[in-house]
Amino acid sequence: MFLNRSVQNPYHNENTQFLLTTNPNYVGLVKFLMQPFLESPKTLSVDCEISHTLKKAWIRIAFDSEDKGKVFGRGGRNIQAIRTVMAAAAELAGQSVYLDIYGSSAMGRDGISFDEDREERPPLPKTRERGGDNGPRPIAKPRFR
């Protein structure tokens, strides 16, 4: 029930039909949503591929790896919000959208790539196998109160 009875159907107007026949500007929307999170927005690279027969859009994003924490946000909240906005825009056009995020080939912090960033860890201590003659085992005494 709508309070304004002068509008017959508030969800359909002449502009809605125009939105359904054209593709959203995915590249512009992604840049608008992601640039506030980036230290250097010039490093943002967006590629969009649209299949009209499958009604799907694939969007590939690449940016500096130093901005990864800001773009993803705590618990992935920022990137999930971006995906939600993109899905809503695609749904208006009758499409589904897939957002792929690629890391840059640049080095990580202090000139070290992410693969080299892991420190070598000492091997884990060997565990004693149960059931064999591995020597005396400590006896756990029950507690009495």
C-alpha atoms as a PDB file:
ATOM      1  CA  MET A   1       0.000   0.000   0.000  1.00  0.00           C
ATOM      2  CA  PHE A   2       1.401   3.354  -1.035  1.00  0.00           C
ATOM      3  CA  LEU A   3       0.482   6.673   0.484  1.00  0.00           C
ATOM      4  CA  ASN A   4       0.866   8.540  -2.789  1.00  0.00           C
ATOM      5  CA  ARG A   5      -2.002   7.279  -4.923  1.00  0.00           C
ATOM      6  CA  SER A   6      -1.144   9.544  -7.828  1.00  0.00           C
ATOM      7  CA  VAL A   7       1.657   7.144  -8.783  1.00  0.00           C
ATOM      8  CA  GLN A   8       0.139   3.973 -10.182  1.00  0.00           C
ATOM      9  CA  ASN A   9       3.220   1.757 -10.027  1.00  0.00           C
ATOM     10  CA  PRO A  10       6.166   3.436  -8.321  1.00  0.00           C
ATOM     11  CA  TYR A  11       8.720   0.794  -9.348  1.00  0.00           C
ATOM     12  CA  HIS A  12       8.295   1.116 -13.105  1.00  0.00           C
ATOM     13  CA  ASN A  13       8.899   4.308 -14.989  1.00  0.00           C
ATOM     14  CA  GLU A  14      10.379   5.209 -18.363  1.00  0.00           C
ATOM     15  CA  ASN A  15      13.951   5.325 -16.964  1.00  0.00           C
ATOM     16  CA  THR A  16      13.800   1.728 -15.711  1.00  0.00           C
ATOM     17  CA  GLN A  17      13.298   0.411 -19.239  1.00  0.00           C
ATOM     18  CA  PHE A  18      16.417   2.300 -20.371  1.00  0.00           C
ATOM     19  CA  LEU A  19      18.501   0.773 -17.568  1.00  0.00           C
ATOM     20  CA  LEU A  20      17.467  -2.748 -18.492  1.00  0.00           C
ATOM     21  CA  THR A  21      18.506  -2.443 -22.137  1.00  0.00           C
ATOM     22  CA  THR A  22      22.022  -1.114 -21.551  1.00  0.00           C
ATOM     23  CA  ASN A  23      25.002  -2.552 -19.731  1.00  0.00           C
ATOM     24  CA  PRO A  24      26.160  -0.757 -16.596  1.00  0.00           C
ATOM     25  CA  ASN A  25      29.538   0.942 -16.728  1.00  0.00           C
ATOM     26  CA  TYR A  26      31.269  -1.708 -14.623  1.00  0.00           C
ATOM     27  CA  VAL A  27      34.742  -0.248 -15.096  1.00  0.00           C
ATOM     28  CA  GLY A  28      33.675   3.207 -13.937  1.00  0.00           C
ATOM     29  CA  LEU A  29      31.736   1.784 -11.001  1.00  0.00           C
ATOM     30  CA  VAL A  30      34.662  -0.344  -9.813  1.00  0.00           C
ATOM     31  CA  LYS A  31      37.054   2.588 -10.084  1.00  0.00           C
ATOM     32  CA  PHE A  32      34.635   4.822  -8.180  1.00  0.00           C
ATOM     33  CA  LEU A  33      34.262   2.262  -5.388  1.00  0.00           C
ATOM     34  CA  MET A  34      37.907   1.229  -5.064  1.00  0.00           C
ATOM     35  CA  GLN A  35      39.918   4.426  -5.534  1.00  0.00           C
ATOM     36  CA  PRO A  36      39.241   5.762  -1.998  1.00  0.00           C
ATOM     37  CA  PHE A  37      40.975   2.676  -0.562  1.00  0.00           C
ATOM     38  CA  LEU A  38      44.136   3.003  -2.670  1.00  0.00           C
ATOM     39  CA  GLU A  39      47.252   5.018  -1.839  1.00  0.00           C
ATOM     40  CA  SER A  40      47.983   5.479  -5.544  1.00  0.00           C
ATOM     41  CA  PRO A  41      44.807   5.153  -7.641  1.00  0.00           C
ATOM     42  CA  LYS A  42      46.899   5.117 -10.835  1.00  0.00           C
ATOM     43  CA  THR A  43      47.950   1.541 -10.076  1.00  0.00           C
ATOM     44  CA  LEU A  44      44.354   0.295 -10.312  1.00  0.00           C
ATOM     45  CA  SER A  45      43.778  -1.792 -13.409  1.00  0.00           C
ATOM     46  CA  VAL A  46      40.243  -2.906 -14.322  1.00  0.00           C
ATOM     47  CA  ASP A  47      39.320  -5.237 -17.161  1.00  0.00           C
ATOM     48  CA  CYS A  48      35.724  -6.105 -18.015  1.00  0.00           C
ATOM     49  CA  GLU A  49      34.447  -8.868 -20.271  1.00  0.00           C
ATOM     50  CA  ILE A  50      30.704  -9.140 -20.955  1.00  0.00           C
ATOM     51  CA  SER A  51      28.965 -12.131 -22.521  1.00  0.00           C
ATOM     52  CA  HIS A  52      25.589 -11.147 -23.916  1.00  0.00           C
ATOM     53  CA  THR A  53      24.597 -14.732 -24.683  1.00  0.00           C
ATOM     54  CA  LEU A  54      25.334 -16.000 -21.161  1.00  0.00           C
ATOM     55  CA  LYS A  55      24.276 -12.714 -19.528  1.00  0.00           C
ATOM     56  CA  LYS A  56      27.409 -12.677 -17.391  1.00  0.00           C
ATOM     57  CA  ALA A  57      30.125 -10.121 -16.767  1.00  0.00           C
ATOM     58  CA  TRP A  58      33.649 -10.899 -15.594  1.00  0.00           C
ATOM     59  CA  ILE A  59      35.566  -8.072 -13.973  1.00  0.00           C
ATOM     60  CA  ARG A  60      39.265  -8.431 -13.259  1.00  0.00           C
ATOM     61  CA  ILE A  61      40.943  -6.025 -10.862  1.00  0.00           C
ATOM     62  CA  ALA A  62      44.638  -5.554 -10.113  1.00  0.00           C
ATOM     63  CA  PHE A  63      46.306  -3.065  -7.777  1.00  0.00           C
ATOM     64  CA  ASP A  64      49.433  -2.645  -5.649  1.00  0.00           C
ATOM     65  CA  SER A  65      49.843  -5.345  -3.044  1.00  0.00           C
ATOM     66  CA  GLU A  66      50.556  -2.728  -0.365  1.00  0.00           C
ATOM     67  CA  ASP A  67      46.903  -1.610  -0.590  1.00  0.00           C
ATOM     68  CA  LYS A  68      45.517  -5.111  -0.168  1.00  0.00           C
ATOM     69  CA  GLY A  69      44.653  -4.651   3.499  1.00  0.00           C
ATOM     70  CA  LYS A  70      42.679  -1.472   2.888  1.00  0.00           C
ATOM     71  CA  VAL A  71      40.822  -2.851  -0.114  1.00  0.00           C
ATOM     72  CA  PHE A  72      39.790  -6.064   1.606  1.00  0.00           C
ATOM     73  CA  GLY A  73      39.106  -4.437   4.961  1.00  0.00           C
ATOM     74  CA  ARG A  74      38.697  -6.113   8.312  1.00  0.00           C
ATOM     75  CA  GLY A  75      37.219  -9.542   7.720  1.00  0.00           C
ATOM     76  CA  GLY A  76      36.748  -8.766   4.018  1.00  0.00           C
ATOM     77  CA  ARG A  77      33.989  -6.239   4.652  1.00  0.00           C
ATOM     78  CA  ASN A  78      35.118  -3.680   2.078  1.00  0.00           C
ATOM     79  CA  ILE A  79      35.503  -6.099  -0.794  1.00  0.00           C
ATOM     80  CA  GLN A  80      32.214  -7.794   0.105  1.00  0.00           C
ATOM     81  CA  ALA A  81      30.453  -4.421  -0.038  1.00  0.00           C
ATOM     82  CA  ILE A  82      31.998  -3.757  -3.457  1.00  0.00           C
ATOM     83  CA  ARG A  83      30.842  -7.176  -4.667  1.00  0.00           C
ATOM     84  CA  THR A  84      27.324  -6.476  -3.371  1.00  0.00           C
ATOM     85  CA  VAL A  85      27.089  -3.150  -5.214  1.00  0.00           C
ATOM     86  CA  MET A  86      28.384  -4.771  -8.397  1.00  0.00           C
ATOM     87  CA  ALA A  87      25.872  -7.611  -8.092  1.00  0.00           C
ATOM     88  CA  ALA A  88      23.028  -5.120  -7.623  1.00  0.00           C
ATOM     89  CA  ALA A  89      24.060  -3.174 -10.724  1.00  0.00           C
ATOM     90  CA  ALA A  90      24.309  -6.379 -12.741  1.00  0.00           C
ATOM     91  CA  GLU A  91      20.929  -7.582 -11.505  1.00  0.00           C
ATOM     92  CA  LEU A  92      19.284  -4.402 -12.832  1.00  0.00           C
ATOM     93  CA  ALA A  93      20.701  -5.249 -16.249  1.00  0.00           C
ATOM     94  CA  GLY A  94      19.611  -8.882 -15.972  1.00  0.00           C
ATOM     95  CA  GLN A  95      23.170 -10.157 -15.674  1.00  0.00           C
ATOM     96  CA  SER A  96      25.356 -11.852 -13.123  1.00  0.00           C
ATOM     97  CA  VAL A  97      28.810 -10.516 -12.311  1.00  0.00           C
ATOM     98  CA  TYR A  98      32.040 -12.190 -11.209  1.00  0.00           C
ATOM     99  CA  LEU A  99      34.748 -10.112  -9.570  1.00  0.00           C
ATOM    100  CA  ASP A 100      38.308 -11.487  -9.740  1.00  0.00           C
ATOM    101  CA  ILE A 101      41.107  -9.787  -7.828  1.00  0.00           C
ATOM    102  CA  TYR A 102      44.703 -10.248  -8.891  1.00  0.00           C
ATOM    103  CA  GLY A 103      47.815  -9.256  -6.984  1.00  0.00           C
ATOM    104  CA  SER A 104      50.425  -7.176  -8.683  1.00  0.00           C
ATOM    105  CA  SER A 105      53.780  -8.557  -9.738  1.00  0.00           C
ATOM    106  CA  ALA A 106      55.473  -5.928  -7.591  1.00  0.00           C
ATOM    107  CA  MET A 107      57.507  -6.969  -4.620  1.00  0.00           C
ATOM    108  CA  GLY A 108      56.014  -7.010  -1.158  1.00  0.00           C
ATOM    109  CA  ARG A 109      57.257  -5.032   1.806  1.00  0.00           C
ATOM    110  CA  ASP A 110      60.949  -4.138   1.855  1.00  0.00           C
ATOM    111  CA  GLY A 111      61.538  -5.594  -1.607  1.00  0.00           C
ATOM    112  CA  ILE A 112      60.719  -9.175  -0.596  1.00  0.00           C
ATOM    113  CA  SER A 113      58.184 -11.152  -2.558  1.00  0.00           C
ATOM    114  CA  PHE A 114      55.441 -12.925  -0.671  1.00  0.00           C
ATOM    115  CA  ASP A 115      56.936 -16.356  -1.348  1.00  0.00           C
ATOM    116  CA  GLU A 116      60.274 -15.350   0.175  1.00  0.00           C
ATOM    117  CA  ASP A 117      58.554 -13.621   3.104  1.00  0.00           C
ATOM    118  CA  ARG A 118      58.021 -16.837   5.016  1.00  0.00           C
ATOM    119  CA  GLU A 119      60.734 -17.533   7.524  1.00  0.00           C
ATOM    120  CA  GLU A 120      62.241 -20.964   7.734  1.00  0.00           C
ATOM    121  CA  ARG A 121      60.869 -22.743  10.739  1.00  0.00           C
ATOM    122  CA  PRO A 122      62.637 -25.421  12.717  1.00  0.00           C
ATOM    123  CA  PRO A 123      61.239 -28.916  12.232  1.00  0.00           C
ATOM    124  CA  LEU A 124      58.492 -29.972  14.594  1.00  0.00           C
ATOM    125  CA  PRO A 125      59.537 -32.208  17.504  1.00  0.00           C
ATOM    126  CA  LYS A 126      59.058 -35.894  16.950  1.00  0.00           C
ATOM    127  CA  THR A 127      56.125 -37.374  18.795  1.00  0.00           C
ATOM    128  CA  ARG A 128      56.399 -40.644  20.632  1.00  0.00           C
ATOM    129  CA  GLU A 129      54.354 -43.439  19.211  1.00  0.00           C
ATOM    130  CA  ARG A 130      51.980 -45.111  21.573  1.00  0.00           C
ATOM    131  CA  GLY A 131      51.975 -48.788  22.252  1.00  0.00           C
ATOM    132  CA  GLY A 132      55.650 -49.486  21.683  1.00  0.00           C
ATOM    133  CA  ASP A 133      58.568 -49.893  24.051  1.00  0.00           C
ATOM    134  CA  ASN A 134      59.556 -46.249  24.136  1.00  0.00           C
ATOM    135  CA  GLY A 135      60.785 -46.327  27.682  1.00  0.00           C
ATOM    136  CA  PRO A 136      59.038 -45.474  30.894  1.00  0.00           C
ATOM    137  CA  ARG A 137      55.978 -43.275  30.696  1.00  0.00           C
ATOM    138  CA  PRO A 138      55.010 -40.908  33.467  1.00  0.00           C
ATOM    139  CA  ILE A 139      52.217 -42.133  35.669  1.00  0.00           C
ATOM    140  CA  ALA A 140      49.343 -39.766  36.244  1.00  0.00           C
ATOM    141  CA  LYS A 141      48.192 -40.127  39.817  1.00  0.00           C
ATOM    142  CA  PRO A 142      44.528 -39.422  40.560  1.00  0.00           C
ATOM    143  CA  ARG A 143      43.783 -36.515  42.826  1.00  0.00           C
ATOM    144  CA  PHE A 144      41.821 -37.031  45.985  1.00  0.00           C
ATOM    145  CA  ARG A 145      40.194 -34.142  47.763  1.00  0.00           C
END
